N, C-alpha and C. Protein backbone atom coordinates (compact mmCIF):
# COMPACT_ATOMS: atom_id res chain seq x y z
N MET A 1 60.92 8.48 82.53
CA MET A 1 61.31 9.11 81.35
C MET A 1 61.12 10.81 82.17
N THR A 2 62.15 11.64 82.29
CA THR A 2 61.81 13.09 82.74
C THR A 2 60.98 13.88 82.22
N GLY A 3 60.32 15.07 82.86
CA GLY A 3 59.45 15.33 82.41
C GLY A 3 60.20 16.70 81.08
N VAL A 4 59.41 17.17 80.55
CA VAL A 4 59.98 18.27 79.06
C VAL A 4 58.79 19.57 79.78
N GLN A 5 60.02 20.42 79.58
CA GLN A 5 59.05 21.85 80.54
C GLN A 5 58.20 22.35 78.85
N THR A 6 57.60 22.52 78.83
CA THR A 6 57.10 23.09 77.25
C THR A 6 56.08 24.57 77.87
N CYS A 7 56.23 25.53 76.42
CA CYS A 7 55.18 26.81 76.53
C CYS A 7 54.54 27.22 75.44
N ALA A 8 54.06 26.34 74.86
CA ALA A 8 53.95 25.52 73.52
C ALA A 8 52.46 26.18 73.51
N LEU A 9 51.56 26.04 74.66
CA LEU A 9 50.37 26.35 75.22
C LEU A 9 50.37 27.92 76.29
N PRO A 10 49.03 28.29 75.81
CA PRO A 10 49.05 29.68 77.03
C PRO A 10 49.33 29.47 78.33
N ILE A 11 49.77 28.18 79.06
CA ILE A 11 49.83 27.68 80.49
C ILE A 11 51.16 26.69 80.57
N CYS A 12 51.87 27.08 80.98
CA CYS A 12 53.36 26.24 81.09
C CYS A 12 52.95 24.94 81.71
N PHE A 13 53.45 23.99 81.71
CA PHE A 13 53.17 22.94 82.23
C PHE A 13 54.44 21.43 81.79
N PRO A 14 54.44 20.88 82.90
CA PRO A 14 55.56 19.57 82.47
C PRO A 14 54.97 18.81 81.71
N VAL A 15 55.67 17.91 80.32
CA VAL A 15 55.12 17.10 79.98
C VAL A 15 55.57 15.98 79.75
N THR A 16 55.50 14.51 80.64
CA THR A 16 56.11 13.28 80.47
C THR A 16 55.60 12.38 79.49
N ASN A 17 54.54 12.38 78.88
CA ASN A 17 53.99 11.43 78.32
C ASN A 17 54.98 12.24 76.47
N PRO A 18 55.52 10.39 75.79
CA PRO A 18 56.47 10.99 74.98
C PRO A 18 55.51 11.28 73.67
N ALA A 19 54.45 10.57 73.38
CA ALA A 19 53.69 11.24 72.20
C ALA A 19 53.61 12.48 72.58
N VAL A 20 53.10 12.96 73.42
CA VAL A 20 52.28 14.59 73.60
C VAL A 20 54.19 15.72 73.40
N VAL A 21 54.80 14.87 73.54
CA VAL A 21 56.26 15.66 73.14
C VAL A 21 56.32 15.45 71.93
N ILE A 22 56.15 14.73 71.49
CA ILE A 22 56.45 14.39 69.82
C ILE A 22 55.48 15.49 69.45
N ALA A 23 54.28 15.05 69.53
CA ALA A 23 52.93 16.24 69.13
C ALA A 23 53.12 17.91 69.20
N LEU A 24 53.68 17.98 70.49
CA LEU A 24 54.43 19.48 70.36
C LEU A 24 55.11 19.80 69.18
N LEU A 25 55.98 18.82 69.22
CA LEU A 25 57.63 19.44 68.78
C LEU A 25 57.18 19.72 67.27
N ALA A 26 56.06 18.77 66.79
CA ALA A 26 55.63 18.58 65.60
C ALA A 26 54.85 19.63 65.09
N VAL A 27 54.09 20.58 66.22
CA VAL A 27 53.18 21.82 66.01
C VAL A 27 54.58 22.59 65.95
N THR A 28 55.11 23.09 66.43
CA THR A 28 56.45 23.85 66.82
C THR A 28 57.11 23.56 64.92
N PHE A 29 57.57 22.31 64.64
CA PHE A 29 58.21 22.37 63.48
C PHE A 29 57.40 22.98 62.09
N THR A 30 55.17 22.98 62.38
CA THR A 30 55.17 22.97 61.13
C THR A 30 54.89 24.55 61.38
N ARG A 31 54.94 25.07 62.91
CA ARG A 31 54.67 26.44 63.20
C ARG A 31 55.97 26.90 62.25
N GLN A 32 57.13 26.86 62.41
CA GLN A 32 58.58 27.05 61.68
C GLN A 32 58.35 26.58 59.86
N LEU A 33 58.15 25.52 60.12
CA LEU A 33 58.41 25.96 58.27
C LEU A 33 57.34 26.29 57.46
N GLU A 34 55.47 26.55 58.22
CA GLU A 34 54.75 28.17 57.54
C GLU A 34 55.43 28.69 57.31
N GLU A 35 56.35 29.46 59.09
CA GLU A 35 56.88 30.74 58.62
C GLU A 35 58.15 30.93 57.41
N VAL A 36 58.83 29.57 57.26
CA VAL A 36 59.74 29.50 56.10
C VAL A 36 58.51 29.95 54.61
N TYR A 37 57.60 29.14 54.51
CA TYR A 37 56.97 29.30 53.47
C TYR A 37 56.41 30.89 53.47
N ARG A 38 56.11 31.58 54.30
CA ARG A 38 55.58 33.00 54.19
C ARG A 38 56.54 33.63 54.24
N GLN A 39 57.75 33.19 53.85
CA GLN A 39 59.41 34.33 53.72
C GLN A 39 59.69 34.32 52.46
N VAL A 40 60.07 32.24 52.08
CA VAL A 40 59.53 32.32 50.50
C VAL A 40 58.44 33.31 49.57
N TYR A 41 57.62 33.04 49.88
CA TYR A 41 56.41 33.62 49.01
C TYR A 41 56.78 34.73 48.95
N LYS A 42 57.30 35.64 50.38
CA LYS A 42 57.61 36.99 49.93
C LYS A 42 58.44 37.79 49.39
N ALA A 43 59.29 36.66 49.25
CA ALA A 43 60.82 37.06 48.56
C ALA A 43 60.68 36.25 46.88
N THR A 44 59.50 35.89 46.47
CA THR A 44 58.95 35.39 45.56
C THR A 44 58.11 36.65 44.72
N LEU A 45 57.48 36.68 43.65
CA LEU A 45 55.89 37.65 43.03
C LEU A 45 55.92 36.54 42.36
N TRP A 46 54.66 36.76 42.28
CA TRP A 46 53.43 35.90 41.69
C TRP A 46 52.68 37.21 40.74
N THR A 47 52.55 36.74 39.41
CA THR A 47 52.03 38.05 38.41
C THR A 47 50.99 36.71 38.07
N PRO A 48 50.06 37.13 37.54
CA PRO A 48 48.93 36.95 36.42
C PRO A 48 49.61 36.02 35.13
N GLY A 49 49.39 34.93 34.66
CA GLY A 49 49.85 34.64 32.86
C GLY A 49 51.35 34.53 33.35
N VAL A 50 51.75 34.04 34.71
CA VAL A 50 53.08 33.27 34.87
C VAL A 50 53.13 32.62 35.58
N GLU A 51 53.33 31.19 35.25
CA GLU A 51 52.65 30.04 36.47
C GLU A 51 53.89 29.92 37.20
N SER A 52 55.58 30.41 36.95
CA SER A 52 56.30 29.95 38.07
C SER A 52 56.23 31.54 38.71
N LYS A 53 56.13 30.84 40.36
CA LYS A 53 56.39 31.97 41.03
C LYS A 53 57.87 32.65 41.16
N VAL A 54 58.99 31.58 41.01
CA VAL A 54 60.45 32.40 40.82
C VAL A 54 60.36 32.77 39.75
N LEU A 55 60.78 34.17 39.75
CA LEU A 55 60.88 34.91 38.19
C LEU A 55 62.81 34.42 37.58
N ASP A 56 62.62 34.36 36.22
CA ASP A 56 64.41 34.02 35.91
C ASP A 56 64.08 35.13 34.76
N SER A 57 65.16 35.98 34.83
CA SER A 57 65.24 36.48 33.11
C SER A 57 65.75 35.54 32.11
N ALA A 58 66.58 34.96 32.46
CA ALA A 58 67.38 33.71 31.78
C ALA A 58 65.98 33.01 30.74
N GLU A 59 65.29 32.52 32.57
CA GLU A 59 63.93 31.98 31.48
C GLU A 59 63.16 32.40 30.39
N ALA A 60 62.81 34.11 30.98
CA ALA A 60 62.05 34.63 30.01
C ALA A 60 63.06 34.52 28.77
N LYS A 61 64.82 34.83 28.61
CA LYS A 61 64.96 34.72 26.88
C LYS A 61 65.14 33.40 26.50
N ARG A 62 64.62 31.90 27.13
CA ARG A 62 64.35 30.29 27.00
C ARG A 62 63.22 30.83 26.15
N LEU A 63 62.18 31.46 26.63
CA LEU A 63 60.60 31.37 26.27
C LEU A 63 60.67 32.17 24.89
N TYR A 64 61.63 33.31 24.74
CA TYR A 64 61.68 33.97 23.60
C TYR A 64 61.92 33.56 22.40
N GLU A 65 62.83 32.89 22.83
CA GLU A 65 63.88 32.10 22.04
C GLU A 65 62.95 31.04 21.16
N SER A 66 62.43 30.58 21.97
CA SER A 66 61.72 28.90 21.66
C SER A 66 59.89 29.79 21.01
N GLY A 67 60.28 31.15 20.32
CA GLY A 67 58.99 31.40 19.72
C GLY A 67 57.43 32.02 21.11
N LYS A 68 57.75 31.99 22.33
CA LYS A 68 56.28 31.70 23.08
C LYS A 68 56.65 33.44 24.12
N PHE A 69 56.31 34.63 22.97
CA PHE A 69 56.85 35.75 22.72
C PHE A 69 55.81 36.42 24.23
N SER A 70 54.36 35.79 24.31
CA SER A 70 53.56 36.32 25.53
C SER A 70 53.75 35.93 26.87
N GLU A 71 54.79 35.18 26.81
CA GLU A 71 54.80 34.35 27.92
C GLU A 71 56.20 35.43 28.79
N ALA A 72 56.97 35.28 27.59
CA ALA A 72 58.45 35.62 28.23
C ALA A 72 58.47 37.60 28.38
N GLU A 73 57.19 37.97 27.51
CA GLU A 73 56.96 39.35 27.97
C GLU A 73 56.24 39.34 29.71
N ASN A 74 55.46 38.45 29.69
CA ASN A 74 54.85 38.43 31.04
C ASN A 74 55.83 38.78 32.00
N ILE A 75 56.69 37.45 32.09
CA ILE A 75 57.96 37.47 33.16
C ILE A 75 59.04 38.95 32.95
N CYS A 76 59.00 39.30 31.94
CA CYS A 76 60.01 40.56 31.68
C CYS A 76 59.20 41.63 32.48
N HIS A 77 58.02 42.16 32.62
CA HIS A 77 57.16 42.98 33.08
C HIS A 77 57.21 42.72 34.35
N ALA A 78 57.03 41.28 35.11
CA ALA A 78 57.00 41.07 36.65
C ALA A 78 58.35 41.19 37.15
N ILE A 79 59.42 40.99 36.41
CA ILE A 79 61.41 40.97 36.87
C ILE A 79 61.30 42.80 36.94
N LEU A 80 60.93 43.50 35.81
CA LEU A 80 60.99 44.89 36.27
C LEU A 80 60.21 45.65 36.91
N GLN A 81 59.51 45.07 37.35
CA GLN A 81 58.19 45.27 38.72
C GLN A 81 59.54 45.46 39.75
N GLN A 82 60.08 44.47 40.57
CA GLN A 82 60.92 44.24 41.41
C GLN A 82 62.44 44.45 41.39
N GLN A 83 63.24 44.89 39.80
CA GLN A 83 64.04 44.93 39.47
C GLN A 83 64.22 45.62 38.18
N PRO A 84 63.95 47.41 38.46
CA PRO A 84 63.78 47.84 36.80
C PRO A 84 64.79 48.06 36.44
N ASN A 85 66.50 47.83 36.31
CA ASN A 85 67.06 47.55 35.92
C ASN A 85 67.82 46.17 35.04
N ASP A 86 66.87 45.49 35.74
CA ASP A 86 67.70 44.00 35.20
C ASP A 86 67.91 43.94 33.24
N SER A 87 68.91 44.00 33.28
CA SER A 87 69.12 43.92 31.73
C SER A 87 68.77 42.94 30.77
N LEU A 88 68.66 41.74 31.26
CA LEU A 88 68.76 40.66 30.30
C LEU A 88 66.95 40.81 29.97
N ALA A 89 66.45 41.28 31.43
CA ALA A 89 64.65 41.46 30.99
C ALA A 89 64.71 42.41 30.26
N LEU A 90 65.38 43.35 30.12
CA LEU A 90 64.88 44.86 29.43
C LEU A 90 65.27 44.48 27.67
N HIS A 91 66.48 43.52 27.59
CA HIS A 91 66.66 42.97 26.32
C HIS A 91 65.63 42.40 25.67
N VAL A 92 65.67 41.18 26.69
CA VAL A 92 64.38 40.21 26.06
C VAL A 92 63.18 41.21 25.27
N LEU A 93 63.04 42.21 26.11
CA LEU A 93 61.98 42.93 25.44
C LEU A 93 61.78 43.89 24.54
N GLY A 94 63.11 44.57 24.24
CA GLY A 94 63.63 44.99 22.93
C GLY A 94 63.03 43.96 22.19
N LEU A 95 63.88 42.83 22.10
CA LEU A 95 63.74 41.69 21.11
C LEU A 95 62.58 41.62 20.88
N ILE A 96 61.43 41.24 21.55
CA ILE A 96 60.00 41.36 22.03
C ILE A 96 59.27 42.62 21.03
N ALA A 97 60.05 43.73 21.25
CA ALA A 97 59.42 44.94 20.28
C ALA A 97 59.79 45.07 19.16
N SER A 98 60.85 44.56 18.76
CA SER A 98 61.57 43.99 17.35
C SER A 98 60.58 43.50 16.39
N HIS A 99 60.29 42.14 17.36
CA HIS A 99 59.67 41.01 16.58
C HIS A 99 58.17 41.75 15.95
N ALA A 100 57.37 42.61 17.13
CA ALA A 100 56.33 42.94 17.06
C ALA A 100 56.45 44.55 15.78
N ASN A 101 57.66 44.60 15.09
CA ASN A 101 57.67 46.11 14.66
C ASN A 101 57.11 47.58 15.12
N LYS A 102 57.75 47.14 16.55
CA LYS A 102 57.69 48.47 17.71
C LYS A 102 59.21 49.39 18.03
N ASP A 103 59.49 49.57 16.36
CA ASP A 103 60.83 49.84 16.09
C ASP A 103 61.16 50.95 17.23
N SER A 104 60.16 52.04 17.30
CA SER A 104 61.13 52.84 18.75
C SER A 104 61.35 52.02 19.85
N VAL A 105 60.03 51.38 20.11
CA VAL A 105 59.90 50.65 21.68
C VAL A 105 61.35 49.78 22.10
N ALA A 106 61.87 49.13 20.65
CA ALA A 106 62.59 47.99 20.86
C ALA A 106 64.24 48.72 20.61
N GLU A 107 64.16 50.35 20.78
CA GLU A 107 65.26 50.81 20.36
C GLU A 107 65.62 51.21 21.63
N GLU A 108 64.58 51.80 22.28
CA GLU A 108 64.85 52.37 23.18
C GLU A 108 65.08 51.63 24.36
N LEU A 109 64.34 50.50 24.06
CA LEU A 109 64.95 49.60 25.38
C LEU A 109 66.12 48.81 25.38
N LEU A 110 66.89 48.88 23.89
CA LEU A 110 67.92 47.95 23.98
C LEU A 110 68.88 49.38 24.13
N ARG A 111 68.51 50.33 23.81
CA ARG A 111 70.07 51.24 24.08
C ARG A 111 69.58 52.26 25.93
N LYS A 112 68.78 51.71 26.78
CA LYS A 112 68.73 51.33 28.09
C LYS A 112 69.48 50.05 28.65
N VAL A 113 69.51 49.58 28.09
CA VAL A 113 70.69 48.26 28.62
C VAL A 113 71.80 48.71 28.42
N ILE A 114 71.94 49.31 26.87
CA ILE A 114 73.40 49.31 26.45
C ILE A 114 73.93 50.76 27.47
N VAL A 115 73.19 51.10 28.42
CA VAL A 115 73.27 52.36 29.69
C VAL A 115 74.17 51.49 31.11
N ILE A 116 73.27 50.50 31.27
CA ILE A 116 73.26 49.64 31.77
C ILE A 116 74.74 48.60 32.07
N GLN A 117 74.42 48.04 31.01
CA GLN A 117 75.49 46.99 30.60
C GLN A 117 76.33 46.68 29.26
N PRO A 118 77.08 48.72 29.23
CA PRO A 118 77.61 48.92 27.69
C PRO A 118 79.17 47.79 27.25
N GLN A 119 79.34 47.15 28.29
CA GLN A 119 80.07 46.28 27.66
C GLN A 119 79.74 44.71 27.19
N GLU A 120 78.50 44.54 26.98
CA GLU A 120 77.76 43.46 27.04
C GLU A 120 77.75 43.58 24.95
N PRO A 121 78.75 43.12 24.23
CA PRO A 121 78.69 42.98 22.85
C PRO A 121 77.17 42.66 22.29
N TYR A 122 76.72 41.33 22.94
CA TYR A 122 75.05 41.18 21.88
C TYR A 122 74.42 41.91 21.62
N ILE A 123 74.42 43.06 22.66
CA ILE A 123 73.28 44.07 23.00
C ILE A 123 73.25 44.96 21.51
N TYR A 124 74.99 45.41 21.48
CA TYR A 124 75.21 46.27 20.18
C TYR A 124 74.72 45.32 18.90
N THR A 125 75.20 44.19 18.37
CA THR A 125 74.42 43.49 17.60
C THR A 125 73.33 43.97 17.16
N ASN A 126 72.38 43.39 18.64
CA ASN A 126 70.97 43.38 18.37
C ASN A 126 70.60 44.36 17.99
N LEU A 127 71.33 45.82 18.31
CA LEU A 127 70.38 46.87 17.93
C LEU A 127 70.75 47.74 16.89
N GLY A 128 72.11 47.03 16.10
CA GLY A 128 72.81 46.91 14.75
C GLY A 128 71.41 46.40 13.69
N VAL A 129 71.43 45.47 14.35
CA VAL A 129 70.50 44.44 13.03
C VAL A 129 68.79 45.40 13.09
N LEU A 130 68.23 45.93 14.39
CA LEU A 130 67.19 47.11 14.54
C LEU A 130 67.35 48.48 13.91
N LEU A 131 68.38 48.62 13.74
CA LEU A 131 68.95 49.76 12.91
C LEU A 131 69.28 49.77 11.35
N GLN A 132 69.74 48.97 10.68
CA GLN A 132 69.65 48.27 9.74
C GLN A 132 68.19 47.99 9.22
N LYS A 133 67.84 48.01 10.04
CA LYS A 133 66.12 47.00 9.63
C LYS A 133 65.67 48.92 8.94
N GLN A 134 65.82 49.64 10.15
CA GLN A 134 64.92 50.86 9.75
C GLN A 134 65.33 51.73 8.37
N GLY A 135 66.71 51.02 7.89
CA GLY A 135 67.86 51.41 6.63
C GLY A 135 69.15 52.92 7.28
N ARG A 136 69.15 52.66 8.72
CA ARG A 136 69.91 53.63 9.51
C ARG A 136 70.96 53.01 9.13
N LEU A 137 71.65 52.69 8.23
CA LEU A 137 73.58 51.42 8.20
C LEU A 137 74.34 52.58 8.74
N ILE A 138 74.53 53.64 8.86
CA ILE A 138 75.86 53.88 9.51
C ILE A 138 75.36 53.97 11.09
N GLU A 139 74.59 53.96 11.27
CA GLU A 139 74.59 53.37 12.73
C GLU A 139 74.88 51.77 13.30
N ALA A 140 73.79 51.56 12.17
CA ALA A 140 74.02 50.19 12.48
C ALA A 140 75.92 49.21 12.33
N ILE A 141 75.92 49.97 11.44
CA ILE A 141 77.73 49.53 11.32
C ILE A 141 78.51 50.05 12.57
N ASP A 142 78.17 50.92 13.11
CA ASP A 142 78.73 51.74 14.42
C ASP A 142 78.61 50.85 15.63
N CYS A 143 77.20 50.29 15.44
CA CYS A 143 76.89 49.30 16.69
C CYS A 143 77.82 47.93 16.76
N TRP A 144 77.69 47.50 15.48
CA TRP A 144 78.46 46.64 15.03
C TRP A 144 80.19 46.31 15.06
N GLN A 145 80.40 47.73 15.03
CA GLN A 145 82.07 47.86 15.46
C GLN A 145 82.08 47.57 16.85
N GLN A 146 81.08 48.64 17.80
CA GLN A 146 81.16 48.53 18.94
C GLN A 146 81.27 47.10 19.88
N ASP A 147 80.48 46.34 19.17
CA ASP A 147 80.01 45.04 19.33
C ASP A 147 81.64 44.23 19.47
N LEU A 148 82.43 44.54 18.35
CA LEU A 148 83.62 43.79 18.04
C LEU A 148 84.54 44.39 18.76
N SER A 149 84.67 45.79 18.56
CA SER A 149 85.17 46.63 20.06
C SER A 149 85.36 45.39 21.73
N HIS A 150 84.71 44.87 21.89
CA HIS A 150 84.23 44.20 23.35
C HIS A 150 84.26 42.76 23.12
N ASP A 151 83.77 42.07 21.55
CA ASP A 151 84.43 40.66 21.37
C ASP A 151 84.65 40.68 19.91
N PRO A 152 86.20 40.69 19.51
CA PRO A 152 86.52 40.88 18.79
C PRO A 152 85.54 39.18 17.14
N LYS A 153 85.68 38.53 17.85
CA LYS A 153 85.78 37.06 17.29
C LYS A 153 84.02 36.56 17.35
N ASP A 154 82.99 38.32 17.77
CA ASP A 154 81.65 38.08 17.94
C ASP A 154 81.68 37.68 15.90
N THR A 155 80.92 35.71 15.54
CA THR A 155 81.11 36.02 14.37
C THR A 155 79.39 36.27 13.86
N VAL A 156 78.67 36.78 14.37
CA VAL A 156 77.24 37.25 14.41
C VAL A 156 77.63 38.57 13.95
N ALA A 157 78.09 39.61 14.69
CA ALA A 157 78.74 40.96 14.02
C ALA A 157 79.38 41.37 12.62
N LEU A 158 80.67 40.27 12.86
CA LEU A 158 81.30 40.31 12.06
C LEU A 158 80.43 39.75 10.73
N HIS A 159 79.89 38.88 10.12
CA HIS A 159 79.10 38.65 9.41
C HIS A 159 78.28 39.95 9.38
N ASN A 160 77.58 40.20 9.92
CA ASN A 160 76.19 41.83 9.95
C ASN A 160 77.53 42.93 9.14
N LEU A 161 78.51 42.87 9.40
CA LEU A 161 79.51 44.33 9.45
C LEU A 161 79.71 43.93 7.53
N GLY A 162 80.39 43.18 7.79
CA GLY A 162 80.95 42.09 6.34
C GLY A 162 79.69 42.17 5.27
N LYS A 163 78.57 42.04 5.84
CA LYS A 163 78.20 42.07 4.58
C LYS A 163 77.04 42.98 4.02
N GLU A 164 77.02 43.98 5.20
CA GLU A 164 76.56 45.64 4.64
C GLU A 164 77.69 46.35 4.23
N LEU A 165 78.73 46.01 4.75
CA LEU A 165 80.08 46.71 4.35
C LEU A 165 80.18 46.41 2.48
N CYS A 166 80.19 44.96 2.15
CA CYS A 166 79.65 44.33 0.72
C CYS A 166 78.86 44.88 0.28
N SER A 167 77.21 45.27 0.75
CA SER A 167 76.02 45.71 -0.15
C SER A 167 76.50 47.39 -0.34
N GLN A 168 77.03 47.71 0.44
CA GLN A 168 77.38 49.50 0.34
C GLN A 168 78.71 49.75 -0.79
N GLY A 169 79.52 48.48 -1.28
CA GLY A 169 80.82 48.36 -2.02
C GLY A 169 82.10 49.13 -1.35
N GLN A 170 81.89 48.97 -0.14
CA GLN A 170 83.30 49.48 0.76
C GLN A 170 84.09 48.21 0.67
N ILE A 171 83.62 47.03 0.76
CA ILE A 171 84.46 45.25 0.46
C ILE A 171 83.82 44.70 -1.10
N ILE A 172 85.17 44.28 -1.37
CA ILE A 172 84.53 43.86 -2.93
C ILE A 172 84.99 42.59 -2.45
N VAL A 173 84.23 41.26 -2.98
CA VAL A 173 84.40 40.08 -2.66
C VAL A 173 84.59 38.94 -3.58
N THR A 174 85.94 38.48 -3.78
CA THR A 174 86.11 38.06 -5.32
C THR A 174 86.21 36.52 -5.09
N GLY A 175 86.31 35.94 -6.34
CA GLY A 175 85.75 34.45 -5.76
C GLY A 175 86.86 33.67 -7.06
N LYS A 176 87.19 32.33 -6.79
CA LYS A 176 88.31 32.09 -8.00
C LYS A 176 87.62 31.30 -8.85
């Protein structure tokens, strides 16, 4: 076998033993793998209370929808440390704040999402529900109408708007 020139150690020398060549390649591969691991670790964020090192606002939304508000909130805060304008993380935090009856915080977060992504109809629907809860009915109706201007078939906004207009006597429903 022809010798392999290597410089894995401080002194360069030819290696003719195949087992030594394999061992040196394994060491080199391990070092490269460790470097890749370090880069991946740096690219992710670890936050106490968050099990996963790779944070995803969609996962936070899923946790919120399954009633795991604390876990969802932790993930959202961690995401916002790296990406302060992550609209889904802000939206989920707004929904969590609303659920906790922190209406002013919820409104502030939802309005921030609207500034970031004004074309997303579901944000207007959630803000409308929050405003309705506070008795701010004209603003709630405006939000649902804004939602419907982006998505005329949004059944949630249509339901909320229709129900509120009926309760105000602006729409009269008659049955047979």
